[in-house]
C-alpha cells in the first residue's frame, strides 16, 4: 500500500527539482550545469496485463540533448525481494520508450533498507548472470543532517528532505528546529508548502508530533489528515455553522417569532454545526425560541 509518507519521499523531487543538484553531489554523480528537468509519466505498462508504475520519472536535459538521461525515483520502506526484477524492467522499459539511458534512485528512511537497496542485484540463472542493477541510494547514512539555520535557509528543499530522511534519528529534534527557524525567514507560501510536506513525509514518527506544533494554516495535500487540514476543516465547519445561524435568525424574523438579545447572541455565536442544523430544521415550525432550543425527545 502506498502511503502519504511514501509519496512525499519522491514527490519532493518532482516539485522541487533544485534538490537534484545537492543530491547528485552526495551520490558522486555528475549533473550537467543548467540542465532542465521534465516530469514524465510514471506508467511503465506496455499494453495491458500487468500494471507497473515507477514512483516518479524525470527527464534531465542538458544543453547538449544527446546527453539527456532519465531518472526513475522509487521510495522504498523495506526490503522486497521482488524489487530487483521490477527495477530492471523499469530501466529497460524507460530506455526503450524514451530513447535515453536511465538511472534508478531509491530513497530510504532507514539504514538497513538503504544498505540492501544499494545492491547490486544480479539477475539470471545460476552461473551466468545476464543483467545487473545498480541503484543510486539515498538514506540516513549519506544524507547529511542539517542542523544549522542558515544552511537550511539556503536550500529549503534539501533541508526538508534531510528532515524526512532523519525523522527516526535522535538528531531529529535539532534538524526540525533548524528548519523551523529557517522557515521563519521566508515567504508564507514556502512556509506552508514545506511544513506540510514535511509533516506528511515524517509519517507515524514522534518527530511528526514535534513538527505539527510548527505548522501554519494552508493545505497543499488534501485528504491526508495533517494538522493544517484539520484546522482548515474546523474553520470551514465554523463558517458553515455561522451561515446556518444567520438563516435561523432570518427564518424566525420572517415568521414573526420574538427573539431576545440573549437568544440572538446564542444563535449567532454557536459554532457547532450539528446544533445549528437542528435549529434550522425547527425554525420554520416553532412559535418561540424555547421550542427552538428544546432538545428533541
C-alpha atoms as a PDB file:
ATOM      1  CA  UNK A   1       0.000   0.000   0.000  1.00  0.00           C
ATOM      2  CA  UNK A   2       1.327   3.407  -0.999  1.00  0.00           C
ATOM      3  CA  UNK A   3       1.272   5.774   1.966  1.00  0.00           C
ATOM      4  CA  UNK A   4       1.397   9.555   2.131  1.00  0.00           C
ATOM      5  CA  UNK A   5       4.869   9.256   3.643  1.00  0.00           C
ATOM      6  CA  UNK A   6       5.964   7.150   0.668  1.00  0.00           C
ATOM      7  CA  UNK A   7       4.556   9.719  -1.756  1.00  0.00           C
ATOM      8  CA  UNK A   8       6.273  12.663  -0.088  1.00  0.00           C
ATOM      9  CA  UNK A   9       9.657  10.929  -0.315  1.00  0.00           C
ATOM     10  CA  UNK A  10       9.648  11.024  -4.122  1.00  0.00           C
ATOM     11  CA  UNK A  11       7.184  13.825  -4.892  1.00  0.00           C
ATOM     12  CA  UNK A  12       9.576  16.425  -3.498  1.00  0.00           C
ATOM     13  CA  UNK A  13      11.898  15.736  -6.456  1.00  0.00           C
ATOM     14  CA  UNK A  14       9.092  16.427  -8.933  1.00  0.00           C
ATOM     15  CA  UNK A  15       8.069  19.697  -7.353  1.00  0.00           C
ATOM     16  CA  UNK A  16      11.482  20.945  -6.231  1.00  0.00           C
ATOM     17  CA  UNK A  17      13.979  19.848  -8.935  1.00  0.00           C
ATOM     18  CA  UNK A  18      16.611  22.126  -7.385  1.00  0.00           C
ATOM     19  CA  UNK A  19      17.025  19.303  -4.880  1.00  0.00           C
ATOM     20  CA  UNK A  20      18.725  17.209  -7.572  1.00  0.00           C
ATOM     21  CA  UNK A  21      21.988  19.193  -7.595  1.00  0.00           C
ATOM     22  CA  UNK A  22      22.916  18.627  -3.915  1.00  0.00           C
ATOM     23  CA  UNK A  23      21.611  15.057  -4.064  1.00  0.00           C
ATOM     24  CA  UNK A  24      23.768  14.206  -7.065  1.00  0.00           C
ATOM     25  CA  UNK A  25      26.779  15.698  -5.275  1.00  0.00           C
ATOM     26  CA  UNK A  26      26.080  13.393  -2.316  1.00  0.00           C
ATOM     27  CA  UNK A  27      25.922  10.426  -4.667  1.00  0.00           C
ATOM     28  CA  UNK A  28      29.050  11.429  -6.568  1.00  0.00           C
ATOM     29  CA  UNK A  29      27.209  11.505  -9.895  1.00  0.00           C
ATOM     30  CA  UNK A  30      27.880  14.468 -12.217  1.00  0.00           C
ATOM     31  CA  UNK A  31      24.802  16.554 -13.031  1.00  0.00           C
ATOM     32  CA  UNK A  32      25.095  18.779 -16.133  1.00  0.00           C
ATOM     33  CA  UNK A  33      25.028  22.515 -15.441  1.00  0.00           C
ATOM     34  CA  UNK A  34      21.850  24.384 -16.383  1.00  0.00           C
ATOM     35  CA  UNK A  35      20.021  21.165 -17.209  1.00  0.00           C
ATOM     36  CA  UNK A  36      16.236  21.370 -17.428  1.00  0.00           C
ATOM     37  CA  UNK A  37      14.072  18.840 -15.590  1.00  0.00           C
ATOM     38  CA  UNK A  38      10.827  17.457 -17.011  1.00  0.00           C
ATOM     39  CA  UNK A  39       8.354  15.241 -15.144  1.00  0.00           C
ATOM     40  CA  UNK A  40       7.326  12.224 -17.215  1.00  0.00           C
ATOM     41  CA  UNK A  41       4.543   9.695 -16.736  1.00  0.00           C
ATOM     42  CA  UNK A  42       5.393   7.041 -14.120  1.00  0.00           C
ATOM     43  CA  UNK A  43       3.356   4.471 -16.062  1.00  0.00           C
ATOM     44  CA  UNK A  44       5.585   1.664 -17.310  1.00  0.00           C
ATOM     45  CA  UNK A  45       2.763  -0.607 -18.524  1.00  0.00           C
ATOM     46  CA  UNK A  46       3.216  -1.830 -22.090  1.00  0.00           C
ATOM     47  CA  UNK A  47      -0.194  -3.000 -23.317  1.00  0.00           C
ATOM     48  CA  UNK A  48      -2.494  -4.161 -20.522  1.00  0.00           C
ATOM     49  CA  UNK A  49      -1.980  -7.283 -18.491  1.00  0.00           C
ATOM     50  CA  UNK A  50       0.387  -6.132 -15.738  1.00  0.00           C
ATOM     51  CA  UNK A  51       0.391  -2.652 -14.260  1.00  0.00           C
ATOM     52  CA  UNK A  52       3.845  -1.331 -13.434  1.00  0.00           C
ATOM     53  CA  UNK A  53       4.456   2.131 -12.051  1.00  0.00           C
ATOM     54  CA  UNK A  54       7.622   3.910 -11.077  1.00  0.00           C
ATOM     55  CA  UNK A  55       7.044   6.412  -8.277  1.00  0.00           C
ATOM     56  CA  UNK A  56       8.493   9.348 -10.240  1.00  0.00           C
ATOM     57  CA  UNK A  57      10.265   9.698 -13.575  1.00  0.00           C
ATOM     58  CA  UNK A  58      12.248  12.802 -14.500  1.00  0.00           C
ATOM     59  CA  UNK A  59      13.984  13.632 -17.774  1.00  0.00           C
ATOM     60  CA  UNK A  60      17.225  15.552 -17.272  1.00  0.00           C
ATOM     61  CA  UNK A  61      18.022  17.588 -20.383  1.00  0.00           C
ATOM     62  CA  UNK A  62      21.392  19.374 -20.653  1.00  0.00           C
ATOM     63  CA  UNK A  63      22.045  21.934 -23.386  1.00  0.00           C
ATOM     64  CA  UNK A  64      23.530  19.084 -25.379  1.00  0.00           C
ATOM     65  CA  UNK A  65      20.396  16.996 -25.868  1.00  0.00           C
ATOM     66  CA  UNK A  66      22.464  13.969 -26.852  1.00  0.00           C
ATOM     67  CA  UNK A  67      23.447  13.671 -23.185  1.00  0.00           C
ATOM     68  CA  UNK A  68      19.888  13.626 -21.826  1.00  0.00           C
ATOM     69  CA  UNK A  69      19.026  10.876 -19.368  1.00  0.00           C
ATOM     70  CA  UNK A  70      16.097   9.681 -17.280  1.00  0.00           C
ATOM     71  CA  UNK A  71      15.917   9.440 -13.513  1.00  0.00           C
ATOM     72  CA  UNK A  72      13.474   6.895 -12.085  1.00  0.00           C
ATOM     73  CA  UNK A  73      12.841   7.563  -8.388  1.00  0.00           C
ATOM     74  CA  UNK A  74      11.487   4.929  -6.011  1.00  0.00           C
ATOM     75  CA  UNK A  75      10.679   5.368  -2.309  1.00  0.00           C
ATOM     76  CA  UNK A  76      11.415   2.115  -0.500  1.00  0.00           C
ATOM     77  CA  UNK A  77      10.319   1.447   3.084  1.00  0.00           C
ATOM     78  CA  UNK A  78      11.539  -2.155   3.495  1.00  0.00           C
ATOM     79  CA  UNK A  79      13.424  -4.990   1.838  1.00  0.00           C
ATOM     80  CA  UNK A  80      11.500  -6.560  -1.029  1.00  0.00           C
ATOM     81  CA  UNK A  81      12.963  -9.499  -2.932  1.00  0.00           C
ATOM     82  CA  UNK A  82      10.725  -8.804  -5.941  1.00  0.00           C
ATOM     83  CA  UNK A  83      12.008  -5.269  -6.449  1.00  0.00           C
ATOM     84  CA  UNK A  84      15.182  -6.193  -8.341  1.00  0.00           C
ATOM     85  CA  UNK A  85      13.181  -7.575 -11.272  1.00  0.00           C
ATOM     86  CA  UNK A  86      10.785  -4.587 -11.226  1.00  0.00           C
ATOM     87  CA  UNK A  87      13.659  -2.116 -11.171  1.00  0.00           C
ATOM     88  CA  UNK A  88      15.420  -3.851 -14.064  1.00  0.00           C
ATOM     89  CA  UNK A  89      12.160  -3.716 -16.024  1.00  0.00           C
ATOM     90  CA  UNK A  90      11.665  -0.008 -15.295  1.00  0.00           C
ATOM     91  CA  UNK A  91      15.152   0.898 -16.505  1.00  0.00           C
ATOM     92  CA  UNK A  92      14.929  -1.172 -19.672  1.00  0.00           C
ATOM     93  CA  UNK A  93      11.397   0.000 -20.482  1.00  0.00           C
ATOM     94  CA  UNK A  94      12.160   3.688 -19.963  1.00  0.00           C
ATOM     95  CA  UNK A  95      15.286   3.455 -22.108  1.00  0.00           C
ATOM     96  CA  UNK A  96      13.336   1.784 -24.891  1.00  0.00           C
ATOM     97  CA  UNK A  97      10.363   4.160 -24.685  1.00  0.00           C
ATOM     98  CA  UNK A  98      12.201   7.482 -24.495  1.00  0.00           C
ATOM     99  CA  UNK A  99      15.482   6.605 -26.162  1.00  0.00           C
ATOM    100  CA  UNK A 100      17.573   7.865 -23.232  1.00  0.00           C
ATOM    101  CA  UNK A 101      19.654   5.916 -20.705  1.00  0.00           C
ATOM    102  CA  UNK A 102      18.071   5.705 -17.264  1.00  0.00           C
ATOM    103  CA  UNK A 103      19.290   5.816 -13.681  1.00  0.00           C
ATOM    104  CA  UNK A 104      17.399   4.487 -10.672  1.00  0.00           C
ATOM    105  CA  UNK A 105      17.368   6.488  -7.426  1.00  0.00           C
ATOM    106  CA  UNK A 106      15.998   4.688  -4.360  1.00  0.00           C
ATOM    107  CA  UNK A 107      15.025   6.828  -1.357  1.00  0.00           C
ATOM    108  CA  UNK A 108      15.036   5.119   2.063  1.00  0.00           C
ATOM    109  CA  UNK A 109      14.357   6.350   5.582  1.00  0.00           C
ATOM    110  CA  UNK A 110      16.205   3.658   7.499  1.00  0.00           C
ATOM    111  CA  UNK A 111      19.792   2.451   7.209  1.00  0.00           C
ATOM    112  CA  UNK A 112      19.054  -1.272   6.884  1.00  0.00           C
ATOM    113  CA  UNK A 113      16.790  -0.775   3.882  1.00  0.00           C
ATOM    114  CA  UNK A 114      19.258   1.657   2.303  1.00  0.00           C
ATOM    115  CA  UNK A 115      22.119  -0.827   2.631  1.00  0.00           C
ATOM    116  CA  UNK A 116      20.019  -3.546   0.996  1.00  0.00           C
ATOM    117  CA  UNK A 117      18.761  -1.259  -1.796  1.00  0.00           C
ATOM    118  CA  UNK A 118      22.301  -0.402  -2.872  1.00  0.00           C
ATOM    119  CA  UNK A 119      22.640  -3.886  -4.367  1.00  0.00           C
ATOM    120  CA  UNK A 120      23.970  -4.695  -6.838  1.00  0.00           C
ATOM    121  CA  UNK A 121      21.211  -7.066  -7.907  1.00  0.00           C
ATOM    122  CA  UNK A 122      22.375  -9.697 -10.384  1.00  0.00           C
ATOM    123  CA  UNK A 123      19.653 -11.357 -12.449  1.00  0.00           C
ATOM    124  CA  UNK A 124      19.867 -14.558 -14.450  1.00  0.00           C
ATOM    125  CA  UNK A 125      20.365 -18.292 -13.989  1.00  0.00           C
ATOM    126  CA  UNK A 126      22.960 -19.677 -11.619  1.00  0.00           C
ATOM    127  CA  UNK A 127      26.436 -19.448 -13.109  1.00  0.00           C
ATOM    128  CA  UNK A 128      25.578 -16.794 -15.703  1.00  0.00           C
ATOM    129  CA  UNK A 129      24.034 -13.531 -14.545  1.00  0.00           C
ATOM    130  CA  UNK A 130      22.900 -11.723 -17.664  1.00  0.00           C
ATOM    131  CA  UNK A 131      21.814  -8.491 -16.007  1.00  0.00           C
ATOM    132  CA  UNK A 132      22.920  -6.370 -13.061  1.00  0.00           C
ATOM    133  CA  UNK A 133      21.018  -3.490 -11.445  1.00  0.00           C
ATOM    134  CA  UNK A 134      22.989  -0.834  -9.563  1.00  0.00           C
ATOM    135  CA  UNK A 135      20.618   1.650  -7.861  1.00  0.00           C
ATOM    136  CA  UNK A 136      21.695   5.001  -6.502  1.00  0.00           C
ATOM    137  CA  UNK A 137      20.519   5.156  -2.885  1.00  0.00           C
ATOM    138  CA  UNK A 138      19.737   7.993  -0.501  1.00  0.00           C
ATOM    139  CA  UNK A 139      19.260   7.255   3.179  1.00  0.00           C
ATOM    140  CA  UNK A 140      20.302   8.252   6.705  1.00  0.00           C
ATOM    141  CA  UNK A 141      23.819   7.018   6.009  1.00  0.00           C
ATOM    142  CA  UNK A 142      24.648   9.515   3.253  1.00  0.00           C
ATOM    143  CA  UNK A 143      22.099  12.362   3.514  1.00  0.00           C
ATOM    144  CA  UNK A 144      23.671  14.901   5.869  1.00  0.00           C
ATOM    145  CA  UNK A 145      21.598  16.118   8.834  1.00  0.00           C
ATOM    146  CA  UNK A 146      21.135  19.879   8.515  1.00  0.00           C
ATOM    147  CA  UNK A 147      21.117  21.425  11.987  1.00  0.00           C
ATOM    148  CA  UNK A 148      22.248  24.933  11.063  1.00  0.00           C
ATOM    149  CA  UNK A 149      19.536  27.533  10.455  1.00  0.00           C
ATOM    150  CA  UNK A 150      21.479  29.449   7.809  1.00  0.00           C
ATOM    151  CA  UNK A 151      22.354  26.299   5.878  1.00  0.00           C
ATOM    152  CA  UNK A 152      18.707  25.207   5.976  1.00  0.00           C
ATOM    153  CA  UNK A 153      17.546  28.616   4.709  1.00  0.00           C
ATOM    154  CA  UNK A 154      19.922  28.423   1.736  1.00  0.00           C
ATOM    155  CA  UNK A 155      18.223  25.275   0.409  1.00  0.00           C
ATOM    156  CA  UNK A 156      14.826  24.602   1.938  1.00  0.00           C
ATOM    157  CA  UNK A 157      14.192  21.616  -0.327  1.00  0.00           C
ATOM    158  CA  UNK A 158      17.360  19.877   0.811  1.00  0.00           C
ATOM    159  CA  UNK A 159      16.732  20.774   4.463  1.00  0.00           C
ATOM    160  CA  UNK A 160      13.215  19.352   4.234  1.00  0.00           C
ATOM    161  CA  UNK A 161      14.446  16.194   2.543  1.00  0.00           C
ATOM    162  CA  UNK A 162      17.126  15.832   5.221  1.00  0.00           C
ATOM    163  CA  UNK A 163      14.488  16.154   7.939  1.00  0.00           C
ATOM    164  CA  UNK A 164      12.352  13.455   6.273  1.00  0.00           C
ATOM    165  CA  UNK A 165      15.309  11.114   5.918  1.00  0.00           C
ATOM    166  CA  UNK A 166      16.418  11.522   9.538  1.00  0.00           C
ATOM    167  CA  UNK A 167      12.905  11.506  11.036  1.00  0.00           C
ATOM    168  CA  UNK A 168      13.690   8.461  13.174  1.00  0.00           C
ATOM    169  CA  UNK A 169      17.146   9.628  14.311  1.00  0.00           C
ATOM    170  CA  UNK A 170      17.995  11.013  17.732  1.00  0.00           C
ATOM    171  CA  UNK A 171      19.072  14.206  15.948  1.00  0.00           C
ATOM    172  CA  UNK A 172      15.573  14.746  14.529  1.00  0.00           C
ATOM    173  CA  UNK A 173      14.549  17.479  17.035  1.00  0.00           C
ATOM    174  CA  UNK A 174      17.661  19.548  16.221  1.00  0.00           C
ATOM    175  CA  UNK A 175      17.077  19.153  12.485  1.00  0.00           C
ATOM    176  CA  UNK A 176      13.427  20.179  12.813  1.00  0.00           C
ATOM    177  CA  UNK A 177      14.349  23.156  14.971  1.00  0.00           C
ATOM    178  CA  UNK A 178      16.855  24.419  12.400  1.00  0.00           C
ATOM    179  CA  UNK A 179      14.334  24.067   9.577  1.00  0.00           C
ATOM    180  CA  UNK A 180      11.589  25.752  11.587  1.00  0.00           C
ATOM    181  CA  UNK A 181      13.825  28.740  12.273  1.00  0.00           C
ATOM    182  CA  UNK A 182      14.834  28.867   8.610  1.00  0.00           C
ATOM    183  CA  UNK A 183      11.197  28.869   7.517  1.00  0.00           C
ATOM    184  CA  UNK A 184      10.640  31.836   9.784  1.00  0.00           C
ATOM    185  CA  UNK A 185      12.699  33.936   7.362  1.00  0.00           C
ATOM    186  CA  UNK A 186      10.893  33.104   4.100  1.00  0.00           C
ATOM    187  CA  UNK A 187       7.562  33.861   2.422  1.00  0.00           C
ATOM    188  CA  UNK A 188       4.292  32.477   3.724  1.00  0.00           C
ATOM    189  CA  UNK A 189       3.688  30.198   0.740  1.00  0.00           C
ATOM    190  CA  UNK A 190       7.057  28.467   1.174  1.00  0.00           C
ATOM    191  CA  UNK A 191       6.407  28.067   4.891  1.00  0.00           C
ATOM    192  CA  UNK A 192       3.047  26.428   4.252  1.00  0.00           C
ATOM    193  CA  UNK A 193       4.307  24.135   1.486  1.00  0.00           C
ATOM    194  CA  UNK A 194       7.437  22.825   3.199  1.00  0.00           C
ATOM    195  CA  UNK A 195       5.874  22.498   6.632  1.00  0.00           C
ATOM    196  CA  UNK A 196       3.000  20.375   5.370  1.00  0.00           C
ATOM    197  CA  UNK A 197       5.136  18.321   3.000  1.00  0.00           C
ATOM    198  CA  UNK A 198       7.428  17.501   5.917  1.00  0.00           C
ATOM    199  CA  UNK A 199       4.546  16.539   8.185  1.00  0.00           C
ATOM    200  CA  UNK A 200       3.427  14.016   5.580  1.00  0.00           C
ATOM    201  CA  UNK A 201       6.983  12.832   4.954  1.00  0.00           C
ATOM    202  CA  UNK A 202       7.636  12.129   8.639  1.00  0.00           C
ATOM    203  CA  UNK A 203       4.841   9.560   8.723  1.00  0.00           C
ATOM    204  CA  UNK A 204       3.892   7.998  12.042  1.00  0.00           C
ATOM    205  CA  UNK A 205       7.002   9.063  13.959  1.00  0.00           C
ATOM    206  CA  UNK A 206       7.401  11.044  17.194  1.00  0.00           C
ATOM    207  CA  UNK A 207       9.089  13.711  15.071  1.00  0.00           C
ATOM    208  CA  UNK A 208       5.778  14.334  13.304  1.00  0.00           C
ATOM    209  CA  UNK A 209       4.122  15.442  16.530  1.00  0.00           C
ATOM    210  CA  UNK A 210       7.022  17.788  17.196  1.00  0.00           C
ATOM    211  CA  UNK A 211       6.639  19.267  13.752  1.00  0.00           C
ATOM    212  CA  UNK A 212       2.843  19.663  13.966  1.00  0.00           C
ATOM    213  CA  UNK A 213       3.327  22.366  16.573  1.00  0.00           C
ATOM    214  CA  UNK A 214       5.148  24.476  13.997  1.00  0.00           C
ATOM    215  CA  UNK A 215       2.622  24.215  11.197  1.00  0.00           C
ATOM    216  CA  UNK A 216       0.956  27.204   9.530  1.00  0.00           C
ATOM    217  CA  UNK A 217      -2.524  27.477   8.101  1.00  0.00           C
ATOM    218  CA  UNK A 218      -2.645  26.360   4.489  1.00  0.00           C
ATOM    219  CA  UNK A 219      -3.020  22.996   2.784  1.00  0.00           C
ATOM    220  CA  UNK A 220      -1.398  21.585  -0.354  1.00  0.00           C
ATOM    221  CA  UNK A 221      -2.198  17.905   0.259  1.00  0.00           C
ATOM    222  CA  UNK A 222      -5.959  17.452   0.820  1.00  0.00           C
ATOM    223  CA  UNK A 223      -7.221  14.239   2.341  1.00  0.00           C
ATOM    224  CA  UNK A 224      -4.044  13.402   4.275  1.00  0.00           C
ATOM    225  CA  UNK A 225      -5.218  14.327   7.810  1.00  0.00           C
ATOM    226  CA  UNK A 226      -2.496  16.881   8.530  1.00  0.00           C
ATOM    227  CA  UNK A 227      -2.821  19.478  11.277  1.00  0.00           C
ATOM    228  CA  UNK A 228      -3.221  22.228   8.680  1.00  0.00           C
ATOM    229  CA  UNK A 229      -6.060  20.357   7.033  1.00  0.00           C
ATOM    230  CA  UNK A 230      -7.726  19.628  10.377  1.00  0.00           C
ATOM    231  CA  UNK A 231      -7.530  23.317  11.237  1.00  0.00           C
ATOM    232  CA  UNK A 232      -8.972  24.304   7.880  1.00  0.00           C
ATOM    233  CA  UNK A 233     -11.814  21.820   8.161  1.00  0.00           C
ATOM    234  CA  UNK A 234     -12.687  23.154  11.613  1.00  0.00           C
ATOM    235  CA  UNK A 235     -12.655  26.658  10.177  1.00  0.00           C
ATOM    236  CA  UNK A 236     -14.915  25.599   7.309  1.00  0.00           C
ATOM    237  CA  UNK A 237     -17.328  23.949   9.763  1.00  0.00           C
ATOM    238  CA  UNK A 238     -17.438  27.128  11.847  1.00  0.00           C
ATOM    239  CA  UNK A 239     -18.099  29.187   8.728  1.00  0.00           C
ATOM    240  CA  UNK A 240     -20.907  26.876   7.657  1.00  0.00           C
ATOM    241  CA  UNK A 241     -22.373  26.984  11.176  1.00  0.00           C
ATOM    242  CA  UNK A 242     -22.389  30.792  11.056  1.00  0.00           C
ATOM    243  CA  UNK A 243     -24.222  30.725   7.728  1.00  0.00           C
ATOM    244  CA  UNK A 244     -26.851  28.361   9.104  1.00  0.00           C
ATOM    245  CA  UNK A 245     -27.235  30.523  12.236  1.00  0.00           C
ATOM    246  CA  UNK A 246     -27.941  33.563  10.070  1.00  0.00           C
ATOM    247  CA  UNK A 247     -30.574  31.521   8.222  1.00  0.00           C
ATOM    248  CA  UNK A 248     -32.206  30.542  11.535  1.00  0.00           C
ATOM    249  CA  UNK A 249     -32.449  34.180  12.627  1.00  0.00           C
ATOM    250  CA  UNK A 250     -33.877  35.281   9.269  1.00  0.00           C
ATOM    251  CA  UNK A 251     -36.464  32.474   9.338  1.00  0.00           C
ATOM    252  CA  UNK A 252     -37.592  33.401  12.860  1.00  0.00           C
ATOM    253  CA  UNK A 253     -37.772  37.084  11.955  1.00  0.00           C
ATOM    254  CA  UNK A 254     -39.756  36.343   8.787  1.00  0.00           C
ATOM    255  CA  UNK A 255     -42.262  34.283  10.773  1.00  0.00           C
ATOM    256  CA  UNK A 256     -42.622  36.938  13.479  1.00  0.00           C
ATOM    257  CA  UNK A 257     -41.134  34.835  16.275  1.00  0.00           C
ATOM    258  CA  UNK A 258     -39.830  37.051  19.089  1.00  0.00           C
ATOM    259  CA  UNK A 259     -36.068  36.655  19.703  1.00  0.00           C
ATOM    260  CA  UNK A 260     -34.443  38.296  22.710  1.00  0.00           C
ATOM    261  CA  UNK A 261     -30.967  39.802  22.516  1.00  0.00           C
ATOM    262  CA  UNK A 262     -29.640  36.933  24.638  1.00  0.00           C
ATOM    263  CA  UNK A 263     -31.216  34.300  22.369  1.00  0.00           C
ATOM    264  CA  UNK A 264     -29.970  36.122  19.263  1.00  0.00           C
ATOM    265  CA  UNK A 265     -26.414  36.011  20.618  1.00  0.00           C
ATOM    266  CA  UNK A 266     -26.768  32.331  21.488  1.00  0.00           C
ATOM    267  CA  UNK A 267     -27.799  31.505  17.926  1.00  0.00           C
ATOM    268  CA  UNK A 268     -25.289  33.792  16.214  1.00  0.00           C
ATOM    269  CA  UNK A 269     -22.323  32.635  18.284  1.00  0.00           C
ATOM    270  CA  UNK A 270     -22.955  28.895  18.076  1.00  0.00           C
ATOM    271  CA  UNK A 271     -20.172  27.157  16.110  1.00  0.00           C
ATOM    272  CA  UNK A 272     -21.419  23.577  16.436  1.00  0.00           C
ATOM    273  CA  UNK A 273     -22.754  22.701  13.012  1.00  0.00           C
ATOM    274  CA  UNK A 274     -24.953  19.825  14.201  1.00  0.00           C
ATOM    275  CA  UNK A 275     -26.667  22.019  16.812  1.00  0.00           C
ATOM    276  CA  UNK A 276     -27.289  24.865  14.366  1.00  0.00           C
ATOM    277  CA  UNK A 277     -28.618  22.436  11.759  1.00  0.00           C
ATOM    278  CA  UNK A 278     -31.153  21.174  14.322  1.00  0.00           C
ATOM    279  CA  UNK A 279     -32.289  24.751  14.967  1.00  0.00           C
ATOM    280  CA  UNK A 280     -32.540  25.373  11.215  1.00  0.00           C
ATOM    281  CA  UNK A 281     -34.800  22.339  10.815  1.00  0.00           C
ATOM    282  CA  UNK A 282     -37.142  23.643  13.545  1.00  0.00           C
ATOM    283  CA  UNK A 283     -37.015  27.366  12.708  1.00  0.00           C
ATOM    284  CA  UNK A 284     -39.878  27.067  10.205  1.00  0.00           C
ATOM    285  CA  UNK A 285     -42.308  25.394  12.643  1.00  0.00           C
ATOM    286  CA  UNK A 286     -41.647  26.661  16.199  1.00  0.00           C
ATOM    287  CA  UNK A 287     -43.571  29.524  17.774  1.00  0.00           C
ATOM    288  CA  UNK A 288     -40.919  30.506  20.335  1.00  0.00           C
ATOM    289  CA  UNK A 289     -37.167  30.271  20.951  1.00  0.00           C
ATOM    290  CA  UNK A 290     -37.933  27.957  23.890  1.00  0.00           C
ATOM    291  CA  UNK A 291     -39.284  25.448  21.369  1.00  0.00           C
ATOM    292  CA  UNK A 292     -36.323  26.092  19.105  1.00  0.00           C
ATOM    293  CA  UNK A 293     -33.792  25.287  21.834  1.00  0.00           C
ATOM    294  CA  UNK A 294     -35.737  22.339  23.261  1.00  0.00           C
ATOM    295  CA  UNK A 295     -33.927  19.087  22.631  1.00  0.00           C
ATOM    296  CA  UNK A 296     -35.831  16.607  20.568  1.00  0.00           C
ATOM    297  CA  UNK A 297     -37.180  13.715  22.624  1.00  0.00           C
END
